[in-house]
Amino acid sequence: MQKQHSRRRFRVGRSKTGLGLFALKPIRKGDFIAYYSGRKLSNDEADKLWTKYLFEINSRWTIDGSNKRNIARYMNHSCRPNCESDVRKHKVIITAIKNIQPGDELTYNYGRDYFDTFIKPRGCRCMACKTKAAVKRSSSRRRSGKRRSGKRARA
């Protein structure tokens, strides 16, 4: 029997922040990942929609990426991303800015406006922020001299 080689480069799976997009094959820095695709709407029309999958491409147009065929909609926000988005001729292109290994989650920075509106009120849950918060908690615990509660064995 011959081995079946999958042409798929990504899979949608469970992430710490919900559903995420994960690499199935190695991706090199600078490689094309996906287009953020969907209906092109005027910003006035987009403001009337109640969806979080809107990608503003300029001061006049927005892409509604809520269609499930838009694979890029599964890419989560990260404050230290491994991908970036770029707008070229009213198309949103997502490329890798780091080498990505199989199993790594694909992330990009959603931008200040989206962050302030949707992420900041609930707190950022990306791995960079979680690590930063853990280090901060640990150092403040050390400075205050507190120990974890529990019984200590006596000699």
Protein backbone atom coordinates (compact mmCIF):
# COMPACT_ATOMS: atom_id res chain seq x y z
CA MET A 1 0.00 0.00 0.00
CA GLN A 2 1.22 3.49 -0.83
CA LYS A 3 1.23 6.26 1.72
CA GLN A 4 -1.25 9.04 1.14
CA HIS A 5 0.42 12.46 1.33
CA SER A 6 -1.93 15.21 2.37
CA ARG A 7 -1.68 18.51 0.56
CA ARG A 8 -3.27 20.25 3.52
CA ARG A 9 -0.89 22.56 5.36
CA PHE A 10 -3.20 23.49 8.25
CA ARG A 11 -5.83 22.10 10.56
CA VAL A 12 -8.47 23.80 12.68
CA GLY A 13 -8.28 22.64 16.26
CA ARG A 14 -8.77 23.54 19.92
CA SER A 15 -6.60 26.36 21.17
CA LYS A 16 -6.20 28.04 24.56
CA THR A 17 -8.33 30.90 23.22
CA GLY A 18 -11.00 28.88 21.33
CA LEU A 19 -10.61 27.44 17.86
CA GLY A 20 -7.26 28.02 16.20
CA LEU A 21 -5.31 27.25 13.03
CA PHE A 22 -2.34 24.89 13.40
CA ALA A 23 0.46 24.03 11.00
CA LEU A 24 0.64 20.44 9.70
CA LYS A 25 3.87 20.98 7.76
CA PRO A 26 6.90 23.24 8.32
CA ILE A 27 6.38 26.79 7.07
CA ARG A 28 9.33 29.04 6.28
CA LYS A 29 9.62 32.73 7.09
CA GLY A 30 8.04 34.74 4.27
CA ASP A 31 5.79 31.93 3.00
CA PHE A 32 2.21 32.74 1.99
CA ILE A 33 -0.31 31.38 4.50
CA ALA A 34 -3.79 32.40 3.31
CA TYR A 35 -6.06 35.14 2.02
CA TYR A 36 -8.53 36.63 4.48
CA SER A 37 -11.52 36.28 2.18
CA GLY A 38 -15.17 37.21 2.23
CA ARG A 39 -17.68 39.79 1.03
CA LYS A 40 -16.34 43.30 0.52
CA LEU A 41 -18.61 45.78 2.29
CA SER A 42 -18.57 49.51 2.82
CA ASN A 43 -17.57 50.46 6.36
CA ASP A 44 -21.08 51.84 6.92
CA GLU A 45 -22.61 48.42 6.07
CA ALA A 46 -20.02 46.65 8.23
CA ASP A 47 -20.86 48.82 11.24
CA LYS A 48 -24.42 47.46 11.11
CA LEU A 49 -23.27 43.81 11.29
CA TRP A 50 -22.88 41.97 14.57
CA THR A 51 -19.83 39.81 13.85
CA LYS A 52 -16.23 39.75 15.01
CA TYR A 53 -14.83 38.52 11.67
CA LEU A 54 -14.61 41.96 10.06
CA PHE A 55 -11.26 43.04 8.60
CA GLU A 56 -11.04 46.74 7.74
CA ILE A 57 -8.87 47.15 4.63
CA ASN A 58 -9.00 50.96 4.44
CA SER A 59 -11.11 53.91 5.53
CA ARG A 60 -13.86 52.94 3.09
CA TRP A 61 -13.96 49.12 2.77
CA THR A 62 -14.17 46.11 5.09
CA ILE A 63 -14.07 42.36 4.44
CA ASP A 64 -16.68 40.20 6.17
CA GLY A 65 -14.76 36.97 6.82
CA SER A 66 -17.54 35.16 8.69
CA ASN A 67 -17.89 32.49 5.96
CA LYS A 68 -16.48 29.20 7.29
CA ARG A 69 -14.58 28.63 4.03
CA ASN A 70 -12.35 31.55 5.05
CA ILE A 71 -9.57 29.51 6.71
CA ALA A 72 -7.81 32.67 7.91
CA ARG A 73 -10.72 33.48 10.24
CA TYR A 74 -9.44 30.73 12.57
CA MET A 75 -6.10 32.48 13.14
CA ASN A 76 -6.04 33.91 16.66
CA HIS A 77 -4.53 37.13 17.98
CA SER A 78 -1.13 37.15 19.60
CA CYS A 79 0.93 40.02 20.97
CA ARG A 80 4.00 38.09 19.72
CA PRO A 81 2.70 36.59 16.46
CA ASN A 82 4.34 34.29 13.92
CA CYS A 83 2.39 35.72 10.95
CA GLU A 84 1.40 39.15 9.66
CA SER A 85 -1.37 40.55 7.52
CA ASP A 86 -0.89 42.91 4.61
CA VAL A 87 -3.46 44.61 2.36
CA ARG A 88 -2.69 44.64 -1.38
CA LYS A 89 -5.24 45.82 -3.94
CA HIS A 90 -8.19 45.25 -1.58
CA LYS A 91 -6.99 41.73 -0.70
CA VAL A 92 -5.71 40.72 2.72
CA ILE A 93 -2.67 38.45 2.50
CA ILE A 94 -1.29 36.62 5.53
CA THR A 95 2.37 35.54 5.50
CA ALA A 96 4.75 33.95 7.99
CA ILE A 97 7.22 36.24 9.75
CA LYS A 98 8.98 33.36 11.54
CA ASN A 99 9.76 29.74 10.77
CA ILE A 100 6.79 27.68 11.97
CA GLN A 101 6.99 24.02 12.98
CA PRO A 102 4.23 21.40 12.62
CA GLY A 103 1.84 21.67 15.56
CA ASP A 104 2.47 25.40 16.13
CA GLU A 105 -0.55 27.67 16.20
CA LEU A 106 -0.67 30.34 13.48
CA THR A 107 -1.29 33.79 14.95
CA TYR A 108 -1.13 37.43 13.94
CA ASN A 109 -1.66 40.76 15.68
CA TYR A 110 -5.22 41.98 15.10
CA GLY A 111 -4.27 45.64 15.54
CA ARG A 112 -4.87 48.30 18.17
CA ASP A 113 -8.53 49.07 17.33
CA TYR A 114 -9.68 45.44 17.51
CA PHE A 115 -7.55 44.84 20.61
CA ASP A 116 -9.01 47.83 22.47
CA THR A 117 -12.60 47.00 21.48
CA PHE A 118 -12.80 43.22 21.88
CA ILE A 119 -9.71 41.81 23.65
CA LYS A 120 -8.65 44.36 26.28
CA PRO A 121 -11.97 44.41 28.22
CA ARG A 122 -11.75 40.63 28.77
CA GLY A 123 -7.96 40.44 29.00
CA CYS A 124 -5.57 39.11 26.38
CA ARG A 125 -5.27 35.33 26.48
CA CYS A 126 -2.37 34.88 24.04
CA MET A 127 0.62 32.82 25.18
CA ALA A 128 2.91 35.88 25.36
CA CYS A 129 0.56 37.66 27.78
CA LYS A 130 -0.08 34.51 29.83
CA THR A 131 3.68 33.96 30.23
CA LYS A 132 4.22 37.62 31.11
CA ALA A 133 1.46 37.49 33.75
CA ALA A 134 2.89 34.28 35.26
CA VAL A 135 6.37 35.82 35.54
CA LYS A 136 4.88 38.95 37.12
CA ARG A 137 2.93 36.89 39.68
CA SER A 138 6.00 34.83 40.50
CA SER A 139 8.26 37.84 41.02
CA SER A 140 5.69 39.66 43.17
CA ARG A 141 5.29 36.51 45.27
CA ARG A 142 9.06 36.35 45.75
CA ARG A 143 9.29 40.06 46.67
CA SER A 144 6.55 39.83 49.26
CA GLY A 145 8.20 36.79 50.85
CA LYS A 146 5.00 34.79 50.85
CA ARG A 147 5.15 31.05 50.68
CA ARG A 148 2.56 28.69 49.38
CA SER A 149 0.23 27.41 52.05
CA GLY A 150 0.73 23.87 53.22
CA LYS A 151 2.24 21.91 56.07
CA ARG A 152 5.96 21.86 56.41
CA ALA A 153 7.74 18.76 57.70
CA ARG A 154 9.74 19.28 60.88
CA ALA A 155 13.00 17.55 61.61
